[in-house]
PDB file of N, CA and C in Angstrom:
ATOM      1  N   MET A   1      -1.476 -12.009  -8.182  1.00  0.00           N
ATOM      2  CA  MET A   1      -2.712 -12.318  -8.856  1.00  0.00           C
ATOM      3  C   MET A   1      -2.456 -13.382  -9.910  1.00  0.00           C
ATOM      4  N   SER A   2      -3.368 -14.291 -10.002  1.00  0.00           N
ATOM      5  CA  SER A   2      -3.187 -15.321 -11.010  1.00  0.00           C
ATOM      6  C   SER A   2      -3.620 -14.790 -12.359  1.00  0.00           C
ATOM      7  N   MET A   3      -3.093 -15.371 -13.395  1.00  0.00           N
ATOM      8  CA  MET A   3      -3.440 -14.953 -14.737  1.00  0.00           C
ATOM      9  C   MET A   3      -4.825 -15.470 -15.127  1.00  0.00           C
ATOM     10  N   ASN A   4      -5.283 -16.538 -14.486  1.00  0.00           N
ATOM     11  CA  ASN A   4      -6.546 -17.154 -14.866  1.00  0.00           C
ATOM     12  C   ASN A   4      -7.757 -16.403 -14.333  1.00  0.00           C
ATOM     13  N   GLU A   5      -7.708 -15.897 -13.143  1.00  0.00           N
ATOM     14  CA  GLU A   5      -8.853 -15.265 -12.504  1.00  0.00           C
ATOM     15  C   GLU A   5      -8.475 -13.917 -11.913  1.00  0.00           C
ATOM     16  N   PRO A   6      -8.088 -12.928 -12.730  1.00  0.00           N
ATOM     17  CA  PRO A   6      -7.665 -11.649 -12.162  1.00  0.00           C
ATOM     18  C   PRO A   6      -8.762 -10.953 -11.375  1.00  0.00           C
ATOM     19  N   GLY A   7     -10.025 -11.081 -11.792  1.00  0.00           N
ATOM     20  CA  GLY A   7     -11.123 -10.453 -11.068  1.00  0.00           C
ATOM     21  C   GLY A   7     -11.280 -11.026  -9.668  1.00  0.00           C
ATOM     22  N   LEU A   8     -11.150 -12.333  -9.559  1.00  0.00           N
ATOM     23  CA  LEU A   8     -11.248 -12.988  -8.259  1.00  0.00           C
ATOM     24  C   LEU A   8     -10.110 -12.542  -7.364  1.00  0.00           C
ATOM     25  N   ASP A   9      -8.894 -12.498  -7.886  1.00  0.00           N
ATOM     26  CA  ASP A   9      -7.746 -12.074  -7.092  1.00  0.00           C
ATOM     27  C   ASP A   9      -7.906 -10.623  -6.651  1.00  0.00           C
ATOM     28  N   LEU A  10      -8.406  -9.777  -7.534  1.00  0.00           N
ATOM     29  CA  LEU A  10      -8.629  -8.375  -7.184  1.00  0.00           C
ATOM     30  C   LEU A  10      -9.659  -8.282  -6.064  1.00  0.00           C
ATOM     31  N   GLN A  11     -10.713  -9.069  -6.169  1.00  0.00           N
ATOM     32  CA  GLN A  11     -11.734  -9.062  -5.118  1.00  0.00           C
ATOM     33  C   GLN A  11     -11.139  -9.500  -3.789  1.00  0.00           C
ATOM     34  N   GLU A  12     -10.329 -10.541  -3.795  1.00  0.00           N
ATOM     35  CA  GLU A  12      -9.679 -11.003  -2.569  1.00  0.00           C
ATOM     36  C   GLU A  12      -8.776  -9.925  -1.998  1.00  0.00           C
ATOM     37  N   TRP A  13      -8.016  -9.247  -2.893  1.00  0.00           N
ATOM     38  CA  TRP A  13      -7.122  -8.199  -2.429  1.00  0.00           C
ATOM     39  C   TRP A  13      -7.923  -7.028  -1.865  1.00  0.00           C
ATOM     40  N   GLU A  14      -9.018  -6.658  -2.506  1.00  0.00           N
ATOM     41  CA  GLU A  14      -9.864  -5.558  -2.030  1.00  0.00           C
ATOM     42  C   GLU A  14     -10.440  -5.899  -0.653  1.00  0.00           C
ATOM     43  N   THR A  15     -10.853  -7.143  -0.470  1.00  0.00           N
ATOM     44  CA  THR A  15     -11.366  -7.577   0.832  1.00  0.00           C
ATOM     45  C   THR A  15     -10.275  -7.473   1.886  1.00  0.00           C
ATOM     46  N   ARG A  16      -9.081  -7.919   1.538  1.00  0.00           N
ATOM     47  CA  ARG A  16      -7.952  -7.857   2.470  1.00  0.00           C
ATOM     48  C   ARG A  16      -7.629  -6.409   2.809  1.00  0.00           C
ATOM     49  N   TRP A  17      -7.643  -5.524   1.803  1.00  0.00           N
ATOM     50  CA  TRP A  17      -7.323  -4.118   2.059  1.00  0.00           C
ATOM     51  C   TRP A  17      -8.392  -3.498   2.964  1.00  0.00           C
ATOM     52  N   ALA A  18      -9.655  -3.871   2.807  1.00  0.00           N
ATOM     53  CA  ALA A  18     -10.707  -3.355   3.683  1.00  0.00           C
ATOM     54  C   ALA A  18     -10.442  -3.761   5.132  1.00  0.00           C
ATOM     55  N   GLU A  19      -9.958  -4.970   5.341  1.00  0.00           N
ATOM     56  CA  GLU A  19      -9.594  -5.422   6.683  1.00  0.00           C
ATOM     57  C   GLU A  19      -8.432  -4.603   7.235  1.00  0.00           C
ATOM     58  N   ILE A  20      -7.459  -4.312   6.378  1.00  0.00           N
ATOM     59  CA  ILE A  20      -6.312  -3.515   6.794  1.00  0.00           C
ATOM     60  C   ILE A  20      -6.752  -2.102   7.153  1.00  0.00           C
ATOM     61  N   GLU A  21      -7.640  -1.514   6.348  1.00  0.00           N
ATOM     62  CA  GLU A  21      -8.143  -0.174   6.644  1.00  0.00           C
ATOM     63  C   GLU A  21      -8.806  -0.137   8.020  1.00  0.00           C
ATOM     64  N   ALA A  22      -9.596  -1.155   8.334  1.00  0.00           N
ATOM     65  CA  ALA A  22     -10.245  -1.213   9.644  1.00  0.00           C
ATOM     66  C   ALA A  22      -9.205  -1.316  10.756  1.00  0.00           C
ATOM     67  N   ALA A  23      -8.182  -2.132  10.546  1.00  0.00           N
ATOM     68  CA  ALA A  23      -7.123  -2.281  11.545  1.00  0.00           C
ATOM     69  C   ALA A  23      -6.320  -0.988  11.681  1.00  0.00           C
ATOM     70  N   LEU A  24      -6.067  -0.301  10.556  1.00  0.00           N
ATOM     71  CA  LEU A  24      -5.347   0.976  10.606  1.00  0.00           C
ATOM     72  C   LEU A  24      -6.118   2.010  11.413  1.00  0.00           C
ATOM     73  N   ALA A  25      -7.437   1.975  11.336  1.00  0.00           N
ATOM     74  CA  ALA A  25      -8.254   2.920  12.093  1.00  0.00           C
ATOM     75  C   ALA A  25      -8.132   2.674  13.593  1.00  0.00           C
ATOM     76  N   GLU A  26      -7.944   1.410  13.982  1.00  0.00           N
ATOM     77  CA  GLU A  26      -7.832   1.067  15.398  1.00  0.00           C
ATOM     78  C   GLU A  26      -6.427   1.277  15.943  1.00  0.00           C
ATOM     79  N   ASP A  27      -5.408   0.896  15.192  1.00  0.00           N
ATOM     80  CA  ASP A  27      -4.030   0.977  15.672  1.00  0.00           C
ATOM     81  C   ASP A  27      -3.095   1.249  14.495  1.00  0.00           C
ATOM     82  N   PRO A  28      -3.026   2.500  14.047  1.00  0.00           N
ATOM     83  CA  PRO A  28      -2.274   2.820  12.831  1.00  0.00           C
ATOM     84  C   PRO A  28      -0.804   2.416  12.882  1.00  0.00           C
ATOM     85  N   ALA A  29      -0.139   2.660  13.977  1.00  0.00           N
ATOM     86  CA  ALA A  29       1.300   2.377  14.048  1.00  0.00           C
ATOM     87  C   ALA A  29       1.590   0.886  13.920  1.00  0.00           C
ATOM     88  N   THR A  30       0.848   0.079  14.643  1.00  0.00           N
ATOM     89  CA  THR A  30       1.085  -1.361  14.622  1.00  0.00           C
ATOM     90  C   THR A  30       0.740  -1.976  13.271  1.00  0.00           C
ATOM     91  N   GLU A  31      -0.283  -1.463  12.629  1.00  0.00           N
ATOM     92  CA  GLU A  31      -0.746  -2.033  11.366  1.00  0.00           C
ATOM     93  C   GLU A  31      -0.012  -1.490  10.143  1.00  0.00           C
ATOM     94  N   LEU A  32       0.734  -0.404  10.303  1.00  0.00           N
ATOM     95  CA  LEU A  32       1.428   0.202   9.165  1.00  0.00           C
ATOM     96  C   LEU A  32       2.363  -0.781   8.457  1.00  0.00           C
ATOM     97  N   PRO A  33       3.191  -1.554   9.166  1.00  0.00           N
ATOM     98  CA  PRO A  33       4.064  -2.508   8.446  1.00  0.00           C
ATOM     99  C   PRO A  33       3.290  -3.517   7.597  1.00  0.00           C
ATOM    100  N   LEU A  34       2.164  -4.003   8.106  1.00  0.00           N
ATOM    101  CA  LEU A  34       1.339  -4.944   7.345  1.00  0.00           C
ATOM    102  C   LEU A  34       0.772  -4.272   6.098  1.00  0.00           C
ATOM    103  N   ALA A  35       0.320  -3.035   6.255  1.00  0.00           N
ATOM    104  CA  ALA A  35      -0.201  -2.295   5.099  1.00  0.00           C
ATOM    105  C   ALA A  35       0.896  -2.107   4.060  1.00  0.00           C
ATOM    106  N   CYS A  36       2.111  -1.836   4.501  1.00  0.00           N
ATOM    107  CA  CYS A  36       3.236  -1.712   3.566  1.00  0.00           C
ATOM    108  C   CYS A  36       3.467  -3.020   2.818  1.00  0.00           C
ATOM    109  N   ASP A  37       3.385  -4.130   3.529  1.00  0.00           N
ATOM    110  CA  ASP A  37       3.568  -5.436   2.880  1.00  0.00           C
ATOM    111  C   ASP A  37       2.529  -5.652   1.779  1.00  0.00           C
ATOM    112  N   GLU A  38       1.286  -5.285   2.056  1.00  0.00           N
ATOM    113  CA  GLU A  38       0.227  -5.459   1.063  1.00  0.00           C
ATOM    114  C   GLU A  38       0.465  -4.575  -0.163  1.00  0.00           C
ATOM    115  N   ILE A  39       0.866  -3.341   0.059  1.00  0.00           N
ATOM    116  CA  ILE A  39       1.123  -2.433  -1.058  1.00  0.00           C
ATOM    117  C   ILE A  39       2.339  -2.904  -1.852  1.00  0.00           C
ATOM    118  N   GLU A  40       3.329  -3.443  -1.164  1.00  0.00           N
ATOM    119  CA  GLU A  40       4.497  -3.982  -1.854  1.00  0.00           C
ATOM    120  C   GLU A  40       4.075  -5.090  -2.824  1.00  0.00           C
ATOM    121  N   GLN A  41       3.166  -5.946  -2.396  1.00  0.00           N
ATOM    122  CA  GLN A  41       2.656  -7.004  -3.270  1.00  0.00           C
ATOM    123  C   GLN A  41       1.913  -6.415  -4.460  1.00  0.00           C
ATOM    124  N   LEU A  42       1.114  -5.384  -4.207  1.00  0.00           N
ATOM    125  CA  LEU A  42       0.373  -4.745  -5.280  1.00  0.00           C
ATOM    126  C   LEU A  42       1.314  -4.093  -6.286  1.00  0.00           C
ATOM    127  N   LEU A  43       2.368  -3.456  -5.796  1.00  0.00           N
ATOM    128  CA  LEU A  43       3.355  -2.854  -6.705  1.00  0.00           C
ATOM    129  C   LEU A  43       4.028  -3.921  -7.555  1.00  0.00           C
ATOM    130  N   ALA A  44       4.334  -5.049  -6.954  1.00  0.00           N
ATOM    131  CA  ALA A  44       4.967  -6.133  -7.703  1.00  0.00           C
ATOM    132  C   ALA A  44       4.029  -6.647  -8.786  1.00  0.00           C
ATOM    133  N   LEU A  45       2.748  -6.732  -8.476  1.00  0.00           N
ATOM    134  CA  LEU A  45       1.774  -7.190  -9.461  1.00  0.00           C
ATOM    135  C   LEU A  45       1.597  -6.178 -10.577  1.00  0.00           C
ATOM    136  N   GLY A  46       1.758  -4.912 -10.264  1.00  0.00           N
ATOM    137  CA  GLY A  46       1.580  -3.862 -11.246  1.00  0.00           C
ATOM    138  C   GLY A  46       2.785  -3.613 -12.122  1.00  0.00           C
ATOM    139  N   GLU A  47       3.874  -4.324 -11.885  1.00  0.00           N
ATOM    140  CA  GLU A  47       5.091  -4.098 -12.669  1.00  0.00           C
ATOM    141  C   GLU A  47       4.888  -4.355 -14.146  1.00  0.00           C
ATOM    142  N   GLY A  48       3.994  -5.258 -14.494  1.00  0.00           N
ATOM    143  CA  GLY A  48       3.748  -5.558 -15.893  1.00  0.00           C
ATOM    144  C   GLY A  48       2.774  -4.597 -16.558  1.00  0.00           C
ATOM    145  N   GLU A  49       2.145  -3.741 -15.761  1.00  0.00           N
ATOM    146  CA  GLU A  49       1.181  -2.790 -16.307  1.00  0.00           C
ATOM    147  C   GLU A  49       1.913  -1.650 -17.007  1.00  0.00           C
ATOM    148  N   PRO A  50       1.319  -1.086 -18.034  1.00  0.00           N
ATOM    149  CA  PRO A  50       1.965  -0.004 -18.765  1.00  0.00           C
ATOM    150  C   PRO A  50       1.832   1.334 -18.042  1.00  0.00           C
ATOM    151  N   LEU A  51       2.587   1.505 -16.960  1.00  0.00           N
ATOM    152  CA  LEU A  51       2.598   2.766 -16.231  1.00  0.00           C
ATOM    153  C   LEU A  51       3.617   3.698 -16.880  1.00  0.00           C
ATOM    154  N   LEU A  52       3.305   4.961 -16.878  1.00  0.00           N
ATOM    155  CA  LEU A  52       4.300   5.924 -17.321  1.00  0.00           C
ATOM    156  C   LEU A  52       5.476   5.869 -16.358  1.00  0.00           C
ATOM    157  N   ARG A  53       6.665   6.029 -16.872  1.00  0.00           N
ATOM    158  CA  ARG A  53       7.868   5.939 -16.038  1.00  0.00           C
ATOM    159  C   ARG A  53       7.807   6.920 -14.871  1.00  0.00           C
ATOM    160  N   ALA A  54       7.396   8.140 -15.123  1.00  0.00           N
ATOM    161  CA  ALA A  54       7.325   9.145 -14.060  1.00  0.00           C
ATOM    162  C   ALA A  54       6.329   8.723 -12.982  1.00  0.00           C
ATOM    163  N   GLN A  55       5.201   8.146 -13.398  1.00  0.00           N
ATOM    164  CA  GLN A  55       4.211   7.696 -12.420  1.00  0.00           C
ATOM    165  C   GLN A  55       4.779   6.558 -11.581  1.00  0.00           C
ATOM    166  N   HIS A  56       5.481   5.624 -12.212  1.00  0.00           N
ATOM    167  CA  HIS A  56       6.052   4.506 -11.467  1.00  0.00           C
ATOM    168  C   HIS A  56       7.058   5.013 -10.441  1.00  0.00           C
ATOM    169  N   ILE A  57       7.871   5.971 -10.823  1.00  0.00           N
ATOM    170  CA  ILE A  57       8.859   6.533  -9.901  1.00  0.00           C
ATOM    171  C   ILE A  57       8.148   7.200  -8.727  1.00  0.00           C
ATOM    172  N   GLU A  58       7.076   7.926  -9.013  1.00  0.00           N
ATOM    173  CA  GLU A  58       6.315   8.602  -7.961  1.00  0.00           C
ATOM    174  C   GLU A  58       5.676   7.592  -7.010  1.00  0.00           C
ATOM    175  N   LEU A  59       5.116   6.533  -7.563  1.00  0.00           N
ATOM    176  CA  LEU A  59       4.488   5.508  -6.726  1.00  0.00           C
ATOM    177  C   LEU A  59       5.525   4.793  -5.867  1.00  0.00           C
ATOM    178  N   GLU A  60       6.643   4.477  -6.468  1.00  0.00           N
ATOM    179  CA  GLU A  60       7.710   3.806  -5.720  1.00  0.00           C
ATOM    180  C   GLU A  60       8.232   4.698  -4.601  1.00  0.00           C
ATOM    181  N   ALA A  61       8.394   5.982  -4.875  1.00  0.00           N
ATOM    182  CA  ALA A  61       8.869   6.919  -3.856  1.00  0.00           C
ATOM    183  C   ALA A  61       7.872   7.015  -2.701  1.00  0.00           C
ATOM    184  N   ALA A  62       6.591   7.057  -3.017  1.00  0.00           N
ATOM    185  CA  ALA A  62       5.564   7.122  -1.973  1.00  0.00           C
ATOM    186  C   ALA A  62       5.586   5.855  -1.121  1.00  0.00           C
ATOM    187  N   TYR A  63       5.712   4.703  -1.782  1.00  0.00           N
ATOM    188  CA  TYR A  63       5.791   3.437  -1.042  1.00  0.00           C
ATOM    189  C   TYR A  63       7.031   3.402  -0.150  1.00  0.00           C
ATOM    190  N   LEU A  64       8.179   3.775  -0.702  1.00  0.00           N
ATOM    191  CA  LEU A  64       9.428   3.719   0.070  1.00  0.00           C
ATOM    192  C   LEU A  64       9.403   4.660   1.268  1.00  0.00           C
ATOM    193  N   ALA A  65       8.768   5.819   1.121  1.00  0.00           N
ATOM    194  CA  ALA A  65       8.640   6.739   2.253  1.00  0.00           C
ATOM    195  C   ALA A  65       7.805   6.110   3.362  1.00  0.00           C
ATOM    196  N   ALA A  66       6.727   5.433   2.979  1.00  0.00           N
ATOM    197  CA  ALA A  66       5.885   4.749   3.965  1.00  0.00           C
ATOM    198  C   ALA A  66       6.644   3.593   4.612  1.00  0.00           C
ATOM    199  N   ARG A  67       7.368   2.835   3.807  1.00  0.00           N
ATOM    200  CA  ARG A  67       8.133   1.690   4.338  1.00  0.00           C
ATOM    201  C   ARG A  67       9.185   2.156   5.329  1.00  0.00           C
ATOM    202  N   GLU A  68       9.794   3.299   5.058  1.00  0.00           N
ATOM    203  CA  GLU A  68      10.808   3.831   5.975  1.00  0.00           C
ATOM    204  C   GLU A  68      10.199   4.111   7.352  1.00  0.00           C
ATOM    205  N   ILE A  69       9.026   4.706   7.375  1.00  0.00           N
ATOM    206  CA  ILE A  69       8.350   4.981   8.649  1.00  0.00           C
ATOM    207  C   ILE A  69       7.992   3.671   9.338  1.00  0.00           C
ATOM    208  N   ALA A  70       7.463   2.707   8.587  1.00  0.00           N
ATOM    209  CA  ALA A  70       7.105   1.405   9.159  1.00  0.00           C
ATOM    210  C   ALA A  70       8.338   0.711   9.740  1.00  0.00           C
ATOM    211  N   ASP A  71       9.447   0.760   9.019  1.00  0.00           N
ATOM    212  CA  ASP A  71      10.678   0.131   9.507  1.00  0.00           C
ATOM    213  C   ASP A  71      11.178   0.806  10.784  1.00  0.00           C
ATOM    214  N   ARG A  72      11.101   2.124  10.814  1.00  0.00           N
ATOM    215  CA  ARG A  72      11.513   2.850  12.032  1.00  0.00           C
ATOM    216  C   ARG A  72      10.669   2.410  13.226  1.00  0.00           C
ATOM    217  N   TYR A  73       9.366   2.297  13.007  1.00  0.00           N
ATOM    218  CA  TYR A  73       8.476   1.868  14.081  1.00  0.00           C
ATOM    219  C   TYR A  73       8.838   0.451  14.544  1.00  0.00           C
ATOM    220  N   GLU A  74       9.048  -0.450  13.589  1.00  0.00           N
ATOM    221  CA  GLU A  74       9.379  -1.837  13.936  1.00  0.00           C
ATOM    222  C   GLU A  74      10.714  -1.940  14.672  1.00  0.00           C
ATOM    223  N   GLN A  75      11.623  -0.997  14.426  1.00  0.00           N
ATOM    224  CA  GLN A  75      12.925  -0.993  15.094  1.00  0.00           C
ATOM    225  C   GLN A  75      12.858  -0.353  16.474  1.00  0.00           C
ATOM    226  N   GLY A  76      11.679   0.119  16.854  1.00  0.00           N
ATOM    227  CA  GLY A  76      11.511   0.723  18.163  1.00  0.00           C
ATOM    228  C   GLY A  76      11.958   2.175  18.228  1.00  0.00           C
ATOM    229  N   LEU A  77      12.194   2.778  17.071  1.00  0.00           N
ATOM    230  CA  LEU A  77      12.597   4.177  17.032  1.00  0.00           C
ATOM    231  C   LEU A  77      11.355   5.066  17.170  1.00  0.00           C
ATOM    232  N   GLU A  78      11.578   6.281  17.625  1.00  0.00           N
ATOM    233  CA  GLU A  78      10.457   7.198  17.801  1.00  0.00           C
ATOM    234  C   GLU A  78       9.903   7.614  16.443  1.00  0.00           C
ATOM    235  N   VAL A  79       8.594   7.517  16.325  1.00  0.00           N
ATOM    236  CA  VAL A  79       7.899   7.906  15.101  1.00  0.00           C
ATOM    237  C   VAL A  79       6.718   8.778  15.521  1.00  0.00           C
ATOM    238  N   GLU A  80       6.621   9.940  14.939  1.00  0.00           N
ATOM    239  CA  GLU A  80       5.539  10.870  15.255  1.00  0.00           C
ATOM    240  C   GLU A  80       4.221  10.391  14.633  1.00  0.00           C
ATOM    241  N   PRO A  81       3.111  10.639  15.317  1.00  0.00           N
ATOM    242  CA  PRO A  81       1.804  10.267  14.751  1.00  0.00           C
ATOM    243  C   PRO A  81       1.569  10.872  13.363  1.00  0.00           C
ATOM    244  N   GLY A  82       2.034  12.075  13.147  1.00  0.00           N
ATOM    245  CA  GLY A  82       1.871  12.704  11.832  1.00  0.00           C
ATOM    246  C   GLY A  82       2.640  11.969  10.748  1.00  0.00           C
ATOM    247  N   ASP A  83       3.797  11.405  11.113  1.00  0.00           N
ATOM    248  CA  ASP A  83       4.567  10.622  10.151  1.00  0.00           C
ATOM    249  C   ASP A  83       3.823   9.342   9.776  1.00  0.00           C
ATOM    250  N   ILE A  84       3.195   8.728  10.774  1.00  0.00           N
ATOM    251  CA  ILE A  84       2.417   7.515  10.518  1.00  0.00           C
ATOM    252  C   ILE A  84       1.222   7.840   9.625  1.00  0.00           C
ATOM    253  N   ALA A  85       0.545   8.926   9.925  1.00  0.00           N
ATOM    254  CA  ALA A  85      -0.599   9.332   9.095  1.00  0.00           C
ATOM    255  C   ALA A  85      -0.154   9.615   7.663  1.00  0.00           C
ATOM    256  N   GLY A  86       0.978  10.274   7.506  1.00  0.00           N
ATOM    257  CA  GLY A  86       1.497  10.548   6.167  1.00  0.00           C
ATOM    258  C   GLY A  86       1.860   9.275   5.425  1.00  0.00           C
ATOM    259  N   ALA A  87       2.422   8.321   6.147  1.00  0.00           N
ATOM    260  CA  ALA A  87       2.786   7.046   5.530  1.00  0.00           C
ATOM    261  C   ALA A  87       1.533   6.310   5.049  1.00  0.00           C
ATOM    262  N   ILE A  88       0.484   6.338   5.860  1.00  0.00           N
ATOM    263  CA  ILE A  88      -0.767   5.684   5.470  1.00  0.00           C
ATOM    264  C   ILE A  88      -1.344   6.358   4.232  1.00  0.00           C
ATOM    265  N   GLU A  89      -1.295   7.662   4.183  1.00  0.00           N
ATOM    266  CA  GLU A  89      -1.787   8.384   3.002  1.00  0.00           C
ATOM    267  C   GLU A  89      -0.960   8.030   1.767  1.00  0.00           C
ATOM    268  N   ASN A  90       0.343   7.878   1.930  1.00  0.00           N
ATOM    269  CA  ASN A  90       1.185   7.451   0.803  1.00  0.00           C
ATOM    270  C   ASN A  90       0.759   6.082   0.288  1.00  0.00           C
ATOM    271  N   LEU A  91       0.468   5.166   1.188  1.00  0.00           N
ATOM    272  CA  LEU A  91       0.035   3.829   0.781  1.00  0.00           C
ATOM    273  C   LEU A  91      -1.306   3.885   0.061  1.00  0.00           C
ATOM    274  N   ARG A  92      -2.197   4.704   0.558  1.00  0.00           N
ATOM    275  CA  ARG A  92      -3.488   4.858  -0.118  1.00  0.00           C
ATOM    276  C   ARG A  92      -3.319   5.467  -1.509  1.00  0.00           C
ATOM    277  N   PHE A  93      -2.403   6.403  -1.627  1.00  0.00           N
ATOM    278  CA  PHE A  93      -2.107   7.017  -2.930  1.00  0.00           C
ATOM    279  C   PHE A  93      -1.652   5.950  -3.927  1.00  0.00           C
ATOM    280  N   VAL A  94      -0.734   5.097  -3.502  1.00  0.00           N
ATOM    281  CA  VAL A  94      -0.234   4.030  -4.379  1.00  0.00           C
ATOM    282  C   VAL A  94      -1.365   3.080  -4.729  1.00  0.00           C
ATOM    283  N   ARG A  95      -2.118   2.673  -3.728  1.00  0.00           N
ATOM    284  CA  ARG A  95      -3.226   1.746  -3.963  1.00  0.00           C
ATOM    285  C   ARG A  95      -4.208   2.326  -4.968  1.00  0.00           C
ATOM    286  N   ASP A  96      -4.605   3.558  -4.769  1.00  0.00           N
ATOM    287  CA  ASP A  96      -5.577   4.183  -5.663  1.00  0.00           C
ATOM    288  C   ASP A  96      -5.032   4.323  -7.091  1.00  0.00           C
ATOM    289  N   ALA A  97      -3.750   4.612  -7.208  1.00  0.00           N
ATOM    290  CA  ALA A  97      -3.148   4.777  -8.533  1.00  0.00           C
ATOM    291  C   ALA A  97      -3.090   3.469  -9.304  1.00  0.00           C
ATOM    292  N   LEU A  98      -2.988   2.359  -8.599  1.00  0.00           N
ATOM    293  CA  LEU A  98      -2.862   1.059  -9.264  1.00  0.00           C
ATOM    294  C   LEU A  98      -4.188   0.318  -9.419  1.00  0.00           C
ATOM    295  N   ARG A  99      -5.248   0.879  -8.870  1.00  0.00           N
ATOM    296  CA  ARG A  99      -6.569   0.235  -9.006  1.00  0.00           C
ATOM    297  C   ARG A  99      -7.036   0.345 -10.453  1.00  0.00           C
ATOM    298  N   PRO A 100      -7.685  -0.683 -10.936  1.00  0.00           N
ATOM    299  CA  PRO A 100      -8.291  -0.569 -12.261  1.00  0.00           C
ATOM    300  C   PRO A 100      -9.305   0.567 -12.265  1.00  0.00           C
ATOM    301  N   ALA A 101      -9.484   1.223 -13.393  1.00  0.00           N
ATOM    302  CA  ALA A 101     -10.366   2.384 -13.505  1.00  0.00           C
ATOM    303  C   ALA A 101     -11.786   2.081 -13.046  1.00  0.00           C
ATOM    304  N   ASP A 102     -12.287   0.873 -13.314  1.00  0.00           N
ATOM    305  CA  ASP A 102     -13.657   0.543 -12.925  1.00  0.00           C
ATOM    306  C   ASP A 102     -13.779   0.247 -11.443  1.00  0.00           C
ATOM    307  N   GLN A 103     -12.662   0.161 -10.727  1.00  0.00           N
ATOM    308  CA  GLN A 103     -12.679  -0.090  -9.289  1.00  0.00           C
ATOM    309  C   GLN A 103     -12.417   1.178  -8.483  1.00  0.00           C
ATOM    310  N   ALA A 104     -12.006   2.248  -9.121  1.00  0.00           N
ATOM    311  CA  ALA A 104     -11.640   3.481  -8.414  1.00  0.00           C
ATOM    312  C   ALA A 104     -12.848   4.187  -7.844  1.00  0.00           C
TER     313      ALA A 104
END
């Protein structure tokens, strides 16, 4: 996000996430790595925010668990549908935790 227009960048990111949500509904396994990439960017942007240390650790753990499932899928390893669903929920948890209060 740029420092000059944070609202515009947030709107662009929200639009992009809505597209990802639609794609996840159609093909969760294939779209999971892309969703992880988007959340990774959001986490990087949130590094300057005053998050409690425990919350940051929890968010990072949720993201890393999702990334692990996405990486397994990309490597052609067997991944259970329930694992994919759990990974998507982890990404949503991180996204929701980092959303500004007026956007939640």
